[in-house]
Amino acid sequence: MPTRHALVWLTALLLSAFGCASSGERLWYKPGGNYTTAEFNQDRDACTRGKKLDEECLKAKGWVSVSPDRPAPTPSPTPSPGRY
């Protein structure tokens, strides 16, 4: 069945895309101008020390992270009025 085969491939593609998106890597951009992937890769490589990215170095080169630093806080539950 072609539709079943397509559904399996689509599911595999979505799962792999979700896995890549949740890898913890940040996304970066440089405001106020055009840049190429090669320019970013050059700055990223210059700011990588011992296989670890120095984010402050990238920021000093004008790059801004568009990924959140941490997950959004979960609101604390509101106690419901009751009898004591």
PDB file of N, CA and C in Angstrom:
ATOM      1  N   MET A   1       0.846  -1.184   0.000  1.00  0.00           N
ATOM      2  CA  MET A   1       0.000   0.000   0.000  1.00  0.00           C
ATOM      3  C   MET A   1       0.890   1.246   0.000  1.00  0.00           C
ATOM      4  N   PRO A   2       0.773   2.073  -0.996  1.00  0.00           N
ATOM      5  CA  PRO A   2       1.599   3.284  -1.068  1.00  0.00           C
ATOM      6  C   PRO A   2       1.314   4.259   0.063  1.00  0.00           C
ATOM      7  N   THR A   3       0.080   4.385   0.488  1.00  0.00           N
ATOM      8  CA  THR A   3      -0.225   5.358   1.541  1.00  0.00           C
ATOM      9  C   THR A   3       0.357   4.918   2.882  1.00  0.00           C
ATOM     10  N   ARG A   4       0.366   3.634   3.141  1.00  0.00           N
ATOM     11  CA  ARG A   4       0.936   3.149   4.391  1.00  0.00           C
ATOM     12  C   ARG A   4       2.451   3.378   4.384  1.00  0.00           C
ATOM     13  N   HIS A   5       3.081   3.118   3.261  1.00  0.00           N
ATOM     14  CA  HIS A   5       4.522   3.337   3.125  1.00  0.00           C
ATOM     15  C   HIS A   5       4.860   4.824   3.323  1.00  0.00           C
ATOM     16  N   ALA A   6       4.067   5.693   2.732  1.00  0.00           N
ATOM     17  CA  ALA A   6       4.285   7.137   2.883  1.00  0.00           C
ATOM     18  C   ALA A   6       4.077   7.566   4.332  1.00  0.00           C
ATOM     19  N   LEU A   7       3.101   6.985   5.000  1.00  0.00           N
ATOM     20  CA  LEU A   7       2.834   7.323   6.394  1.00  0.00           C
ATOM     21  C   LEU A   7       4.003   6.903   7.289  1.00  0.00           C
ATOM     22  N   VAL A   8       4.575   5.746   7.022  1.00  0.00           N
ATOM     23  CA  VAL A   8       5.728   5.290   7.804  1.00  0.00           C
ATOM     24  C   VAL A   8       6.895   6.243   7.610  1.00  0.00           C
ATOM     25  N   TRP A   9       7.164   6.643   6.369  1.00  0.00           N
ATOM     26  CA  TRP A   9       8.271   7.579   6.101  1.00  0.00           C
ATOM     27  C   TRP A   9       8.020   8.937   6.725  1.00  0.00           C
ATOM     28  N   LEU A  10       6.800   9.417   6.658  1.00  0.00           N
ATOM     29  CA  LEU A  10       6.466  10.706   7.249  1.00  0.00           C
ATOM     30  C   LEU A  10       6.650  10.668   8.768  1.00  0.00           C
ATOM     31  N   THR A  11       6.215   9.577   9.393  1.00  0.00           N
ATOM     32  CA  THR A  11       6.383   9.435  10.839  1.00  0.00           C
ATOM     33  C   THR A  11       7.865   9.404  11.211  1.00  0.00           C
ATOM     34  N   ALA A  12       8.661   8.671  10.444  1.00  0.00           N
ATOM     35  CA  ALA A  12      10.099   8.600  10.716  1.00  0.00           C
ATOM     36  C   ALA A  12      10.747   9.970  10.554  1.00  0.00           C
ATOM     37  N   LEU A  13      10.339  10.701   9.541  1.00  0.00           N
ATOM     38  CA  LEU A  13      10.884  12.041   9.304  1.00  0.00           C
ATOM     39  C   LEU A  13      10.532  12.988  10.447  1.00  0.00           C
ATOM     40  N   LEU A  14       9.297  12.961  10.891  1.00  0.00           N
ATOM     41  CA  LEU A  14       8.872  13.831  11.988  1.00  0.00           C
ATOM     42  C   LEU A  14       9.582  13.484  13.287  1.00  0.00           C
ATOM     43  N   LEU A  15       9.754  12.201  13.569  1.00  0.00           N
ATOM     44  CA  LEU A  15      10.449  11.801  14.787  1.00  0.00           C
ATOM     45  C   LEU A  15      11.912  12.224  14.761  1.00  0.00           C
ATOM     46  N   SER A  16      12.546  12.083  13.610  1.00  0.00           N
ATOM     47  CA  SER A  16      13.950  12.493  13.536  1.00  0.00           C
ATOM     48  C   SER A  16      14.070  14.012  13.620  1.00  0.00           C
ATOM     49  N   ALA A  17      13.147  14.739  13.041  1.00  0.00           N
ATOM     50  CA  ALA A  17      13.179  16.200  13.131  1.00  0.00           C
ATOM     51  C   ALA A  17      12.964  16.646  14.574  1.00  0.00           C
ATOM     52  N   PHE A  18      12.069  15.996  15.274  1.00  0.00           N
ATOM     53  CA  PHE A  18      11.832  16.335  16.685  1.00  0.00           C
ATOM     54  C   PHE A  18      13.079  16.049  17.511  1.00  0.00           C
ATOM     55  N   GLY A  19      13.732  14.940  17.240  1.00  0.00           N
ATOM     56  CA  GLY A  19      14.953  14.594  17.960  1.00  0.00           C
ATOM     57  C   GLY A  19      16.049  15.615  17.738  1.00  0.00           C
ATOM     58  N   CYS A  20      16.181  16.110  16.525  1.00  0.00           N
ATOM     59  CA  CYS A  20      17.195  17.125  16.233  1.00  0.00           C
ATOM     60  C   CYS A  20      16.844  18.452  16.897  1.00  0.00           C
ATOM     61  N   ALA A  21      15.577  18.787  16.920  1.00  0.00           N
ATOM     62  CA  ALA A  21      15.164  20.066  17.495  1.00  0.00           C
ATOM     63  C   ALA A  21      15.319  20.083  18.999  1.00  0.00           C
ATOM     64  N   SER A  22      15.264  18.924  19.628  1.00  0.00           N
ATOM     65  CA  SER A  22      15.355  18.899  21.077  1.00  0.00           C
ATOM     66  C   SER A  22      16.764  18.548  21.555  1.00  0.00           C
ATOM     67  N   SER A  23      17.761  18.727  20.703  1.00  0.00           N
ATOM     68  CA  SER A  23      19.120  18.323  21.050  1.00  0.00           C
ATOM     69  C   SER A  23      19.781  19.257  22.047  1.00  0.00           C
ATOM     70  N   GLY A  24      19.202  20.409  22.300  1.00  0.00           N
ATOM     71  CA  GLY A  24      19.790  21.326  23.253  1.00  0.00           C
ATOM     72  C   GLY A  24      20.705  22.354  22.610  1.00  0.00           C
ATOM     73  N   GLU A  25      20.928  22.252  21.318  1.00  0.00           N
ATOM     74  CA  GLU A  25      21.753  23.250  20.646  1.00  0.00           C
ATOM     75  C   GLU A  25      20.974  24.539  20.495  1.00  0.00           C
ATOM     76  N   ARG A  26      21.683  25.638  20.615  1.00  0.00           N
ATOM     77  CA  ARG A  26      21.041  26.938  20.451  1.00  0.00           C
ATOM     78  C   ARG A  26      21.068  27.357  18.989  1.00  0.00           C
ATOM     79  N   LEU A  27      20.131  28.197  18.635  1.00  0.00           N
ATOM     80  CA  LEU A  27      20.107  28.807  17.311  1.00  0.00           C
ATOM     81  C   LEU A  27      20.636  30.222  17.455  1.00  0.00           C
ATOM     82  N   TRP A  28      21.418  30.686  16.477  1.00  0.00           N
ATOM     83  CA  TRP A  28      22.052  31.993  16.547  1.00  0.00           C
ATOM     84  C   TRP A  28      21.750  32.789  15.286  1.00  0.00           C
ATOM     85  N   TYR A  29      21.698  34.107  15.433  1.00  0.00           N
ATOM     86  CA  TYR A  29      21.605  34.994  14.281  1.00  0.00           C
ATOM     87  C   TYR A  29      22.364  36.269  14.598  1.00  0.00           C
ATOM     88  N   LYS A  30      22.696  36.998  13.526  1.00  0.00           N
ATOM     89  CA  LYS A  30      23.420  38.256  13.697  1.00  0.00           C
ATOM     90  C   LYS A  30      22.494  39.369  13.206  1.00  0.00           C
ATOM     91  N   PRO A  31      21.974  40.180  14.147  1.00  0.00           N
ATOM     92  CA  PRO A  31      21.024  41.228  13.752  1.00  0.00           C
ATOM     93  C   PRO A  31      21.699  42.340  12.947  1.00  0.00           C
ATOM     94  N   GLY A  32      20.899  42.962  12.109  1.00  0.00           N
ATOM     95  CA  GLY A  32      21.367  44.148  11.393  1.00  0.00           C
ATOM     96  C   GLY A  32      22.194  43.864  10.157  1.00  0.00           C
ATOM     97  N   GLY A  33      22.110  42.703   9.599  1.00  0.00           N
ATOM     98  CA  GLY A  33      22.882  42.453   8.391  1.00  0.00           C
ATOM     99  C   GLY A  33      22.687  41.055   7.857  1.00  0.00           C
ATOM    100  N   ASN A  34      23.152  40.881   6.637  1.00  0.00           N
ATOM    101  CA  ASN A  34      23.099  39.560   6.020  1.00  0.00           C
ATOM    102  C   ASN A  34      24.373  38.810   6.367  1.00  0.00           C
ATOM    103  N   TYR A  35      24.278  37.518   6.496  1.00  0.00           N
ATOM    104  CA  TYR A  35      25.434  36.681   6.773  1.00  0.00           C
ATOM    105  C   TYR A  35      25.187  35.330   6.135  1.00  0.00           C
ATOM    106  N   THR A  36      26.248  34.617   5.896  1.00  0.00           N
ATOM    107  CA  THR A  36      26.137  33.295   5.299  1.00  0.00           C
ATOM    108  C   THR A  36      26.391  32.228   6.361  1.00  0.00           C
ATOM    109  N   THR A  37      26.022  31.022   6.026  1.00  0.00           N
ATOM    110  CA  THR A  37      26.293  29.906   6.915  1.00  0.00           C
ATOM    111  C   THR A  37      27.794  29.754   7.115  1.00  0.00           C
ATOM    112  N   ALA A  38      28.554  29.985   6.066  1.00  0.00           N
ATOM    113  CA  ALA A  38      30.015  29.885   6.163  1.00  0.00           C
ATOM    114  C   ALA A  38      30.565  30.898   7.169  1.00  0.00           C
ATOM    115  N   GLU A  39      30.014  32.115   7.177  1.00  0.00           N
ATOM    116  CA  GLU A  39      30.466  33.129   8.140  1.00  0.00           C
ATOM    117  C   GLU A  39      30.160  32.694   9.568  1.00  0.00           C
ATOM    118  N   PHE A  40      28.965  32.135   9.773  1.00  0.00           N
ATOM    119  CA  PHE A  40      28.635  31.648  11.108  1.00  0.00           C
ATOM    120  C   PHE A  40      29.559  30.501  11.499  1.00  0.00           C
ATOM    121  N   ASN A  41      29.762  29.544  10.583  1.00  0.00           N
ATOM    122  CA  ASN A  41      30.619  28.401  10.886  1.00  0.00           C
ATOM    123  C   ASN A  41      32.036  28.850  11.233  1.00  0.00           C
ATOM    124  N   GLN A  42      32.524  29.870  10.559  1.00  0.00           N
ATOM    125  CA  GLN A  42      33.867  30.388  10.837  1.00  0.00           C
ATOM    126  C   GLN A  42      33.927  30.961  12.260  1.00  0.00           C
ATOM    127  N   ASP A  43      32.924  31.765  12.631  1.00  0.00           N
ATOM    128  CA  ASP A  43      32.891  32.338  13.980  1.00  0.00           C
ATOM    129  C   ASP A  43      32.674  31.243  15.035  1.00  0.00           C
ATOM    130  N   ARG A  44      31.812  30.276  14.728  1.00  0.00           N
ATOM    131  CA  ARG A  44      31.561  29.181  15.671  1.00  0.00           C
ATOM    132  C   ARG A  44      32.839  28.379  15.900  1.00  0.00           C
ATOM    133  N   ASP A  45      33.562  28.079  14.826  1.00  0.00           N
ATOM    134  CA  ASP A  45      34.803  27.322  14.962  1.00  0.00           C
ATOM    135  C   ASP A  45      35.844  28.110  15.762  1.00  0.00           C
ATOM    136  N   ALA A  46      35.895  29.423  15.551  1.00  0.00           N
ATOM    137  CA  ALA A  46      36.849  30.262  16.287  1.00  0.00           C
ATOM    138  C   ALA A  46      36.489  30.326  17.774  1.00  0.00           C
ATOM    139  N   CYS A  47      35.220  30.132  18.098  1.00  0.00           N
ATOM    140  CA  CYS A  47      34.762  30.230  19.488  1.00  0.00           C
ATOM    141  C   CYS A  47      34.595  28.870  20.155  1.00  0.00           C
ATOM    142  N   THR A  48      35.054  27.806  19.512  1.00  0.00           N
ATOM    143  CA  THR A  48      34.948  26.480  20.090  1.00  0.00           C
ATOM    144  C   THR A  48      36.275  26.118  20.743  1.00  0.00           C
ATOM    145  N   ARG A  49      36.210  25.774  22.003  1.00  0.00           N
ATOM    146  CA  ARG A  49      37.401  25.420  22.777  1.00  0.00           C
ATOM    147  C   ARG A  49      37.217  24.013  23.344  1.00  0.00           C
ATOM    148  N   GLY A  50      38.031  23.085  22.917  1.00  0.00           N
ATOM    149  CA  GLY A  50      37.930  21.720  23.439  1.00  0.00           C
ATOM    150  C   GLY A  50      36.575  21.097  23.190  1.00  0.00           C
ATOM    151  N   LYS A  51      36.032  21.243  22.010  1.00  0.00           N
ATOM    152  CA  LYS A  51      34.723  20.706  21.598  1.00  0.00           C
ATOM    153  C   LYS A  51      33.552  21.341  22.341  1.00  0.00           C
ATOM    154  N   LYS A  52      33.788  22.462  23.026  1.00  0.00           N
ATOM    155  CA  LYS A  52      32.707  23.162  23.737  1.00  0.00           C
ATOM    156  C   LYS A  52      32.621  24.585  23.202  1.00  0.00           C
ATOM    157  N   LEU A  53      31.413  24.990  22.842  1.00  0.00           N
ATOM    158  CA  LEU A  53      31.189  26.322  22.292  1.00  0.00           C
ATOM    159  C   LEU A  53      31.236  27.364  23.404  1.00  0.00           C
ATOM    160  N   ASP A  54      32.044  28.389  23.206  1.00  0.00           N
ATOM    161  CA  ASP A  54      32.118  29.515  24.142  1.00  0.00           C
ATOM    162  C   ASP A  54      31.080  30.545  23.679  1.00  0.00           C
ATOM    163  N   GLU A  55      29.920  30.538  24.334  1.00  0.00           N
ATOM    164  CA  GLU A  55      28.818  31.395  23.908  1.00  0.00           C
ATOM    165  C   GLU A  55      29.153  32.876  24.060  1.00  0.00           C
ATOM    166  N   GLU A  56      29.927  33.225  25.072  1.00  0.00           N
ATOM    167  CA  GLU A  56      30.307  34.628  25.264  1.00  0.00           C
ATOM    168  C   GLU A  56      31.159  35.114  24.091  1.00  0.00           C
ATOM    169  N   CYS A  57      31.985  34.234  23.552  1.00  0.00           N
ATOM    170  CA  CYS A  57      32.808  34.568  22.395  1.00  0.00           C
ATOM    171  C   CYS A  57      31.916  34.874  21.188  1.00  0.00           C
ATOM    172  N   LEU A  58      30.892  34.034  20.961  1.00  0.00           N
ATOM    173  CA  LEU A  58      29.972  34.283  19.845  1.00  0.00           C
ATOM    174  C   LEU A  58      29.227  35.605  20.043  1.00  0.00           C
ATOM    175  N   LYS A  59      28.807  35.864  21.266  1.00  0.00           N
ATOM    176  CA  LYS A  59      28.102  37.120  21.558  1.00  0.00           C
ATOM    177  C   LYS A  59      29.011  38.310  21.301  1.00  0.00           C
ATOM    178  N   ALA A  60      30.298  38.180  21.626  1.00  0.00           N
ATOM    179  CA  ALA A  60      31.254  39.268  21.394  1.00  0.00           C
ATOM    180  C   ALA A  60      31.435  39.526  19.901  1.00  0.00           C
ATOM    181  N   LYS A  61      31.203  38.513  19.079  1.00  0.00           N
ATOM    182  CA  LYS A  61      31.316  38.670  17.628  1.00  0.00           C
ATOM    183  C   LYS A  61      30.011  39.176  17.011  1.00  0.00           C
ATOM    184  N   GLY A  62      29.001  39.455  17.866  1.00  0.00           N
ATOM    185  CA  GLY A  62      27.753  40.045  17.378  1.00  0.00           C
ATOM    186  C   GLY A  62      26.605  39.076  17.201  1.00  0.00           C
ATOM    187  N   TRP A  63      26.791  37.806  17.546  1.00  0.00           N
ATOM    188  CA  TRP A  63      25.728  36.818  17.396  1.00  0.00           C
ATOM    189  C   TRP A  63      24.808  36.846  18.608  1.00  0.00           C
ATOM    190  N   VAL A  64      23.523  36.597  18.360  1.00  0.00           N
ATOM    191  CA  VAL A  64      22.502  36.602  19.410  1.00  0.00           C
ATOM    192  C   VAL A  64      21.794  35.253  19.386  1.00  0.00           C
ATOM    193  N   SER A  65      21.625  34.664  20.554  1.00  0.00           N
ATOM    194  CA  SER A  65      20.924  33.384  20.649  1.00  0.00           C
ATOM    195  C   SER A  65      19.419  33.627  20.538  1.00  0.00           C
ATOM    196  N   VAL A  66      18.761  32.802  19.722  1.00  0.00           N
ATOM    197  CA  VAL A  66      17.308  32.909  19.613  1.00  0.00           C
ATOM    198  C   VAL A  66      16.622  31.768  20.350  1.00  0.00           C
ATOM    199  N   SER A  67      17.393  30.888  20.970  1.00  0.00           N
ATOM    200  CA  SER A  67      16.840  29.790  21.748  1.00  0.00           C
ATOM    201  C   SER A  67      16.714  30.232  23.197  1.00  0.00           C
ATOM    202  N   PRO A  68      15.702  29.763  23.895  1.00  0.00           N
ATOM    203  CA  PRO A  68      15.560  30.153  25.296  1.00  0.00           C
ATOM    204  C   PRO A  68      16.693  29.590  26.135  1.00  0.00           C
ATOM    205  N   ASP A  69      17.096  30.335  27.156  1.00  0.00           N
ATOM    206  CA  ASP A  69      18.143  29.886  28.057  1.00  0.00           C
ATOM    207  C   ASP A  69      17.687  28.696  28.892  1.00  0.00           C
ATOM    208  N   ARG A  70      16.446  28.720  29.280  1.00  0.00           N
ATOM    209  CA  ARG A  70      15.891  27.654  30.110  1.00  0.00           C
ATOM    210  C   ARG A  70      14.415  27.502  29.781  1.00  0.00           C
ATOM    211  N   PRO A  71      13.821  26.385  30.150  1.00  0.00           N
ATOM    212  CA  PRO A  71      12.400  26.199  29.873  1.00  0.00           C
ATOM    213  C   PRO A  71      11.542  27.204  30.648  1.00  0.00           C
ATOM    214  N   ALA A  72      10.396  27.490  30.097  1.00  0.00           N
ATOM    215  CA  ALA A  72       9.467  28.411  30.759  1.00  0.00           C
ATOM    216  C   ALA A  72       9.043  27.825  32.100  1.00  0.00           C
ATOM    217  N   PRO A  73       8.954  28.669  33.123  1.00  0.00           N
ATOM    218  CA  PRO A  73       8.562  28.149  34.444  1.00  0.00           C
ATOM    219  C   PRO A  73       7.117  27.652  34.430  1.00  0.00           C
ATOM    220  N   THR A  74       6.893  26.621  35.201  1.00  0.00           N
ATOM    221  CA  THR A  74       5.531  26.105  35.322  1.00  0.00           C
ATOM    222  C   THR A  74       4.819  26.884  36.412  1.00  0.00           C
ATOM    223  N   PRO A  75       3.621  27.359  36.121  1.00  0.00           N
ATOM    224  CA  PRO A  75       2.904  28.115  37.148  1.00  0.00           C
ATOM    225  C   PRO A  75       2.542  27.207  38.322  1.00  0.00           C
ATOM    226  N   SER A  76       2.632  27.778  39.523  1.00  0.00           N
ATOM    227  CA  SER A  76       2.264  26.982  40.690  1.00  0.00           C
ATOM    228  C   SER A  76       0.745  26.897  40.777  1.00  0.00           C
ATOM    229  N   PRO A  77       0.242  25.778  41.262  1.00  0.00           N
ATOM    230  CA  PRO A  77      -1.215  25.603  41.327  1.00  0.00           C
ATOM    231  C   PRO A  77      -1.840  26.588  42.324  1.00  0.00           C
ATOM    232  N   THR A  78      -2.995  27.059  41.972  1.00  0.00           N
ATOM    233  CA  THR A  78      -3.741  27.963  42.851  1.00  0.00           C
ATOM    234  C   THR A  78      -4.580  27.117  43.803  1.00  0.00           C
ATOM    235  N   PRO A  79      -4.404  27.320  45.097  1.00  0.00           N
ATOM    236  CA  PRO A  79      -5.192  26.527  46.037  1.00  0.00           C
ATOM    237  C   PRO A  79      -6.674  26.875  45.928  1.00  0.00           C
ATOM    238  N   SER A  80      -7.486  25.862  45.931  1.00  0.00           N
ATOM    239  CA  SER A  80      -8.923  26.116  45.873  1.00  0.00           C
ATOM    240  C   SER A  80      -9.452  26.347  47.282  1.00  0.00           C
ATOM    241  N   PRO A  81     -10.396  27.283  47.401  1.00  0.00           N
ATOM    242  CA  PRO A  81     -10.949  27.545  48.732  1.00  0.00           C
ATOM    243  C   PRO A  81     -11.692  26.298  49.230  1.00  0.00           C
ATOM    244  N   GLY A  82     -11.491  26.000  50.442  1.00  0.00           N
ATOM    245  CA  GLY A  82     -12.149  24.816  51.012  1.00  0.00           C
ATOM    246  C   GLY A  82     -12.382  25.020  52.506  1.00  0.00           C
ATOM    247  N   ARG A  83     -12.976  24.051  53.091  1.00  0.00           N
ATOM    248  CA  ARG A  83     -13.227  24.108  54.531  1.00  0.00           C
ATOM    249  C   ARG A  83     -12.022  23.544  55.267  1.00  0.00           C
ATOM    250  N   TYR A  84     -11.708  24.151  56.377  1.00  0.00           N
ATOM    251  CA  TYR A  84     -10.608  23.663  57.197  1.00  0.00           C
ATOM    252  C   TYR A  84     -11.097  23.184  58.505  1.00  0.00           C
TER     253      TYR A  84
END
